[in-house]
Protein backbone atom coordinates (compact mmCIF):
# COMPACT_ATOMS: atom_id res chain seq x y z
CA MET A 1 -38.44 33.86 19.52
CA THR A 2 -34.94 32.59 18.80
CA THR A 3 -34.03 30.66 15.71
CA ALA A 4 -33.23 27.54 17.76
CA THR A 5 -36.65 27.63 19.42
CA TYR A 6 -38.46 28.21 16.14
CA THR A 7 -36.69 25.48 14.24
CA GLU A 8 -36.39 22.75 16.83
CA THR A 9 -39.57 22.71 18.87
CA GLY A 10 -43.31 23.07 18.78
CA ARG A 11 -44.03 24.81 15.48
CA PRO A 12 -47.20 23.89 13.57
CA GLY A 13 -46.64 21.13 11.00
CA ALA A 14 -43.16 20.50 12.34
CA PRO A 15 -42.78 16.96 10.92
CA VAL A 16 -43.78 18.12 7.43
CA ALA A 17 -41.56 21.18 7.69
CA LEU A 18 -38.63 19.06 8.87
CA LEU A 19 -39.09 16.65 5.95
CA THR A 20 -39.20 19.57 3.51
CA GLU A 21 -36.01 21.00 4.99
CA VAL A 22 -34.25 17.62 4.84
CA LEU A 23 -35.20 17.19 1.19
CA ALA A 24 -34.06 20.74 0.39
CA VAL A 25 -30.65 20.14 1.97
CA THR A 26 -30.43 16.74 0.26
CA GLY A 27 -31.13 18.33 -3.10
CA ARG A 28 -28.49 20.99 -2.50
CA ARG A 29 -25.96 18.34 -1.54
CA LEU A 30 -26.79 16.20 -4.59
CA ARG A 31 -26.27 19.17 -6.90
CA HIS A 32 -22.86 19.66 -5.32
CA LEU A 33 -22.02 15.96 -5.71
CA GLY A 34 -23.15 16.10 -9.34
CA ARG A 35 -20.16 18.32 -10.03
CA ALA A 36 -17.83 15.66 -8.58
CA PRO A 37 -18.70 12.34 -10.31
CA GLY A 38 -15.35 10.90 -9.30
CA ARG A 39 -16.70 10.56 -5.76
CA VAL A 40 -18.40 7.27 -6.71
CA ILE A 41 -15.13 5.85 -8.05
CA GLY A 42 -13.36 6.96 -4.90
CA VAL A 43 -15.88 5.07 -2.76
CA ALA A 44 -15.68 1.93 -4.90
CA LEU A 45 -11.92 1.94 -5.51
CA SER A 46 -10.69 0.24 -2.31
CA PRO A 47 -13.33 -2.52 -2.42
CA LEU A 48 -12.56 -3.15 -6.10
CA VAL A 49 -8.83 -3.42 -5.39
CA SER A 50 -9.48 -5.85 -2.53
CA MET A 51 -11.77 -8.02 -4.66
CA VAL A 52 -9.44 -8.11 -7.65
CA MET A 53 -6.20 -8.58 -5.72
CA LEU A 54 -7.50 -11.10 -3.19
CA GLY A 55 -10.66 -12.58 -4.65
CA TYR A 56 -9.37 -13.00 -8.20
CA LEU A 57 -5.57 -13.02 -8.35
CA PHE A 58 -5.11 -15.01 -5.13
CA ARG A 59 -8.27 -17.11 -5.25
CA ASP A 60 -6.30 -20.33 -5.93
CA ALA A 61 -3.64 -19.55 -3.34
CA ILE A 62 -5.95 -19.03 -0.35
CA ARG A 63 -7.88 -21.96 1.04
CA LEU A 64 -10.87 -21.62 3.33
CA PRO A 65 -11.05 -23.92 6.38
CA THR A 66 -14.61 -24.86 5.43
CA GLY A 67 -13.97 -25.12 1.70
CA GLY A 68 -15.77 -23.21 -1.02
CA GLU A 69 -14.74 -20.55 -3.51
CA TYR A 70 -12.59 -17.84 -1.98
CA GLY A 71 -13.86 -15.34 -4.57
CA GLU A 72 -17.38 -15.75 -3.19
CA TYR A 73 -16.08 -15.55 0.37
CA VAL A 74 -14.29 -12.24 -0.20
CA PHE A 75 -17.18 -10.51 -1.99
CA ALA A 76 -19.07 -9.74 1.23
CA GLY A 77 -15.93 -8.13 2.65
CA GLY A 78 -15.56 -5.98 -0.45
CA ALA A 79 -19.23 -4.98 -0.45
CA VAL A 80 -19.13 -3.94 3.20
CA GLN A 81 -15.88 -2.06 2.57
CA VAL A 82 -17.94 0.37 0.47
CA ALA A 83 -19.54 1.59 3.70
CA LEU A 84 -16.15 2.14 5.30
CA ALA A 85 -14.98 4.07 2.24
CA CYS A 86 -17.91 6.48 2.72
CA VAL A 87 -16.72 7.58 6.16
CA GLY A 88 -13.83 9.77 5.02
CA PRO A 89 -15.55 11.80 2.27
CA THR A 90 -18.55 12.53 4.49
CA ALA A 91 -16.37 13.52 7.43
CA ILE A 92 -14.24 15.81 5.26
CA SER A 93 -17.32 17.39 3.67
CA VAL A 94 -18.92 18.21 7.02
CA ALA A 95 -15.59 19.46 8.37
CA MET A 96 -15.28 21.73 5.34
CA ASP A 97 -18.72 23.15 6.18
CA PHE A 98 -17.36 24.14 9.58
CA LYS A 99 -14.16 25.53 8.09
CA GLY A 100 -15.90 27.44 5.31
CA GLY A 101 -18.50 29.05 7.55
CA LEU A 102 -21.45 27.18 6.05
CA VAL A 103 -22.50 26.00 9.50
CA ASP A 104 -22.77 29.62 10.66
CA ARG A 105 -24.90 30.47 7.63
CA PHE A 106 -27.25 27.58 8.36
CA ARG A 107 -27.47 28.72 11.98
CA SER A 108 -28.81 32.08 10.78
CA LEU A 109 -31.60 30.47 8.75
CA PRO A 110 -35.00 29.43 10.18
CA ILE A 111 -34.42 25.71 9.55
CA SER A 112 -33.83 22.78 11.82
CA ARG A 113 -30.15 22.07 12.38
CA SER A 114 -30.88 18.35 12.39
CA ALA A 115 -32.24 18.72 8.83
CA VAL A 116 -28.79 19.77 7.68
CA LEU A 117 -27.10 16.59 8.84
CA PHE A 118 -29.91 14.28 7.77
CA GLY A 119 -29.91 15.89 4.32
CA HIS A 120 -26.14 15.51 4.18
CA THR A 121 -26.23 11.82 5.02
CA LEU A 122 -29.15 11.02 2.70
CA ALA A 123 -27.34 12.58 -0.25
CA ASP A 124 -24.13 10.73 0.58
CA LEU A 125 -26.15 7.52 0.92
CA LEU A 126 -26.94 7.78 -2.79
CA VAL A 127 -23.20 7.89 -3.51
CA GLY A 128 -22.74 4.81 -1.35
CA LEU A 129 -25.52 2.99 -3.23
CA LEU A 130 -23.89 3.80 -6.56
CA GLY A 131 -20.55 2.57 -5.24
CA LEU A 132 -22.22 -0.63 -4.02
CA ALA A 133 -23.76 -1.13 -7.46
CA VAL A 134 -20.32 -0.80 -9.09
CA VAL A 135 -18.79 -3.30 -6.65
CA THR A 136 -21.69 -5.74 -7.11
CA GLY A 137 -21.31 -5.58 -10.88
CA ALA A 138 -17.59 -6.25 -10.57
CA GLY A 139 -18.30 -9.13 -8.20
CA LEU A 140 -20.65 -10.72 -10.70
CA LEU A 141 -18.01 -10.40 -13.43
CA LEU A 142 -15.44 -12.03 -11.12
CA GLY A 143 -17.71 -14.98 -10.41
CA TRP A 144 -19.67 -14.10 -7.29
CA ARG A 145 -23.12 -15.63 -7.10
CA THR A 146 -25.89 -15.76 -4.52
CA ARG A 147 -27.07 -19.26 -3.67
CA THR A 148 -30.35 -18.39 -1.97
CA GLY A 149 -33.66 -16.88 -2.99
CA VAL A 150 -34.60 -13.33 -3.84
CA LEU A 151 -35.72 -12.30 -0.37
CA PRO A 152 -32.56 -13.42 1.49
CA THR A 153 -30.44 -11.79 -1.20
CA LEU A 154 -32.29 -8.49 -0.89
CA ALA A 155 -32.18 -8.73 2.91
CA ALA A 156 -28.37 -8.97 2.78
CA PHE A 157 -28.12 -5.93 0.52
CA GLY A 158 -30.56 -4.12 2.79
CA LEU A 159 -28.26 -4.84 5.71
CA ILE A 160 -25.31 -3.39 3.77
CA VAL A 161 -27.32 -0.26 2.94
CA LEU A 162 -28.11 0.12 6.64
CA PHE A 163 -24.42 -0.30 7.41
CA VAL A 164 -23.54 2.37 4.84
CA TYR A 165 -25.93 4.83 6.46
CA VAL A 166 -24.58 4.12 9.94
CA MET A 167 -21.02 4.64 8.71
CA LEU A 168 -22.06 7.98 7.22
CA TRP A 169 -23.09 9.06 10.70
CA LEU A 170 -19.75 7.84 12.00
CA GLY A 171 -18.19 10.21 9.46
CA VAL A 172 -20.38 13.04 10.74
CA LEU A 173 -19.32 12.20 14.30
CA LEU A 174 -15.65 12.38 13.32
CA ALA A 175 -16.24 15.73 11.62
CA THR A 176 -18.11 17.29 14.55
CA THR A 177 -15.47 15.95 16.94
CA LEU A 178 -12.23 16.68 15.08
CA ARG A 179 -13.30 19.50 12.68
CA ASN A 180 -9.84 19.36 11.11
CA VAL A 181 -9.62 18.12 7.53
CA GLU A 182 -5.95 17.13 7.81
CA THR A 183 -6.57 15.04 10.94
CA ILE A 184 -9.60 13.37 9.38
CA SER A 185 -7.55 12.54 6.28
CA VAL A 186 -5.05 10.72 8.48
CA VAL A 187 -7.61 8.81 10.56
CA THR A 188 -10.08 7.59 7.94
CA PRO A 189 -7.69 5.47 5.79
CA PHE A 190 -7.16 3.33 8.88
CA ILE A 191 -10.90 2.61 8.92
CA VAL A 192 -10.98 1.62 5.24
CA VAL A 193 -7.77 -0.42 5.03
CA VAL A 194 -6.94 -1.78 8.48
CA LEU A 195 -10.35 -2.48 10.01
CA PRO A 196 -11.38 -5.10 7.40
CA PHE A 197 -8.18 -7.07 8.09
CA LEU A 198 -9.14 -7.15 11.78
CA SER A 199 -12.39 -8.89 10.87
CA ASN A 200 -13.50 -11.90 8.83
CA ALA A 201 -13.64 -9.83 5.63
CA PHE A 202 -10.70 -11.51 3.90
CA LEU A 203 -9.46 -14.20 6.28
CA ALA A 204 -11.13 -16.56 8.72
CA PRO A 205 -10.50 -15.47 12.34
CA GLN A 206 -9.30 -19.01 13.12
CA SER A 207 -6.32 -18.47 10.84
CA MET A 208 -5.25 -15.31 12.69
CA PRO A 209 -2.78 -15.08 15.60
CA ALA A 210 -4.36 -15.93 18.95
CA PRO A 211 -4.23 -12.34 20.35
CA ILE A 212 -6.03 -10.98 17.28
CA ARG A 213 -8.66 -13.72 16.98
CA PRO A 214 -11.14 -12.46 19.64
CA LEU A 215 -10.97 -8.94 18.18
CA ALA A 216 -11.83 -10.28 14.73
CA GLU A 217 -14.64 -12.46 16.06
CA TRP A 218 -16.31 -9.62 18.01
CA ASN A 219 -15.65 -6.90 15.45
CA PRO A 220 -19.07 -5.47 14.43
CA LEU A 221 -17.86 -5.60 10.85
CA SER A 222 -17.52 -9.39 11.17
CA ALA A 223 -21.16 -9.74 12.21
CA VAL A 224 -22.40 -7.76 9.18
CA ILE A 225 -20.20 -9.74 6.79
CA ALA A 226 -21.11 -13.11 8.31
CA ALA A 227 -24.81 -12.22 8.11
CA CYS A 228 -24.48 -11.32 4.42
CA ARG A 229 -22.62 -14.54 3.63
CA ASP A 230 -25.25 -16.54 5.45
CA LEU A 231 -28.10 -14.80 3.61
CA TRP A 232 -26.35 -15.21 0.24
CA GLY A 233 -25.39 -18.82 0.83
CA ASN A 234 -21.70 -18.02 0.37
CA PRO A 235 -18.85 -19.74 2.25
CA VAL A 236 -18.68 -18.69 5.89
CA ALA A 237 -15.82 -18.51 8.33
CA PRO A 238 -15.84 -21.22 10.99
CA GLY A 239 -16.08 -20.16 14.58
CA GLY A 240 -17.95 -20.44 17.81
CA GLY A 241 -19.44 -17.98 20.21
CA PHE A 242 -22.55 -15.85 20.01
CA PRO A 243 -21.47 -13.57 17.09
CA ALA A 244 -20.71 -16.51 14.81
CA GLU A 245 -23.89 -18.37 15.75
CA HIS A 246 -26.25 -15.37 15.51
CA PRO A 247 -24.65 -12.95 13.00
CA VAL A 248 -27.89 -11.32 11.81
CA ALA A 249 -29.09 -10.51 15.31
CA VAL A 250 -25.67 -9.22 16.38
CA ALA A 251 -25.40 -7.10 13.22
CA VAL A 252 -28.82 -5.48 13.61
CA VAL A 253 -28.39 -4.73 17.32
CA THR A 254 -24.86 -3.41 16.84
CA LEU A 255 -25.81 -1.14 13.95
CA GLY A 256 -28.81 0.16 15.86
CA ALA A 257 -26.62 1.03 18.84
CA LEU A 258 -23.96 2.68 16.66
CA PHE A 259 -26.56 4.76 14.85
CA ALA A 260 -28.16 5.90 18.10
CA VAL A 261 -24.83 6.97 19.60
CA CYS A 262 -23.33 8.55 16.47
CA SER A 263 -26.45 10.47 15.47
CA ALA A 264 -27.28 11.70 18.99
CA VAL A 265 -23.76 12.93 19.73
CA SER A 266 -23.32 14.43 16.26
CA LEU A 267 -26.61 16.32 16.37
CA ARG A 268 -25.85 17.67 19.84
CA ARG A 269 -22.41 18.91 18.81
CA TYR A 270 -23.72 20.36 15.57
CA ARG A 271 -26.52 22.24 17.30
CA THR A 272 -24.12 23.73 19.84
CA ALA A 273 -21.39 24.54 17.31
CA GLY A 274 -20.27 28.10 17.81
CA SER A 275 -22.53 28.61 20.81
C-alpha cells in the first residue's frame, strides 16, 4: 500500500487521525513561530501605519460624502488589511518548505498531505488573530468605537477572522504556484499596499476616477469592509448596486468561493508536488 493511499483514503478512524495530524502540524508550526515573535508586529505594521497616517493625522483633512468621523471609517480598512498582510509570510513559509526539502520529508511520512497545509494555516491564523488584536487596541486608542450591540460587533470580527483564513489559503496558493521566495516577495506587497486603495478601505469609491470606480465597488475587499462598517454602525461609503446594498451577503459568498478555489487548487498542487 502506498503512502498516498494510506494517508488519503479509507483508513479506519480517518477523520480522527486527520484531526490528530492537523493538530500535530499546527503545534510544530506554532513552536517555530514562537521563535519569531516579530511576525505579529510584521502583520500589524501596515494596518497600524494606515490607521495612524490616514485615520489620525489626516482625519480633519478628509471629509466623507455621508459625513461622520473619518477615523471610524478607516478602522475597518485597517482591520481587514491585517488579513492581506498575512498573505506574504504564509506564502514565503510554504515556499521555503518546498525549497528546504520539508515537503519531501512530509511525503515520506504516513500522514495526510492535506493535514500539513491545514496545520500551517491554523497556526498562521493565530498570528493573524494576534495582529488583529493589536490593530483593534490601537483603533480604540485612536477613537474608534462600535455603535451597535455585542452580537453585530462580534459578527463583524468573525467576518474578518474568516477573511484572514481565506487570505492564508491565498498565500498557500501563491506558494504552491510560484514556489520562488524572491518572486513572492515582489508580488505580495502589491496585495497589502495597492489592493486596499482600489477598494473602499480609505476612500469612498464615488470620489475615485470614473475608470477606477467600478473596480473599487466590486472589489471583494470592499464588500467585507462595507459589511463590517454596517455591523459596527460606522460611517459607510455611499454607492449603489448590489455590492453596496447587500455587503454581508456578497462578502460571505465571495469568501466562500475564494476559499473553495484556493484550498482545492493548493491541496491538489501540494499532493502532486514532486510526483
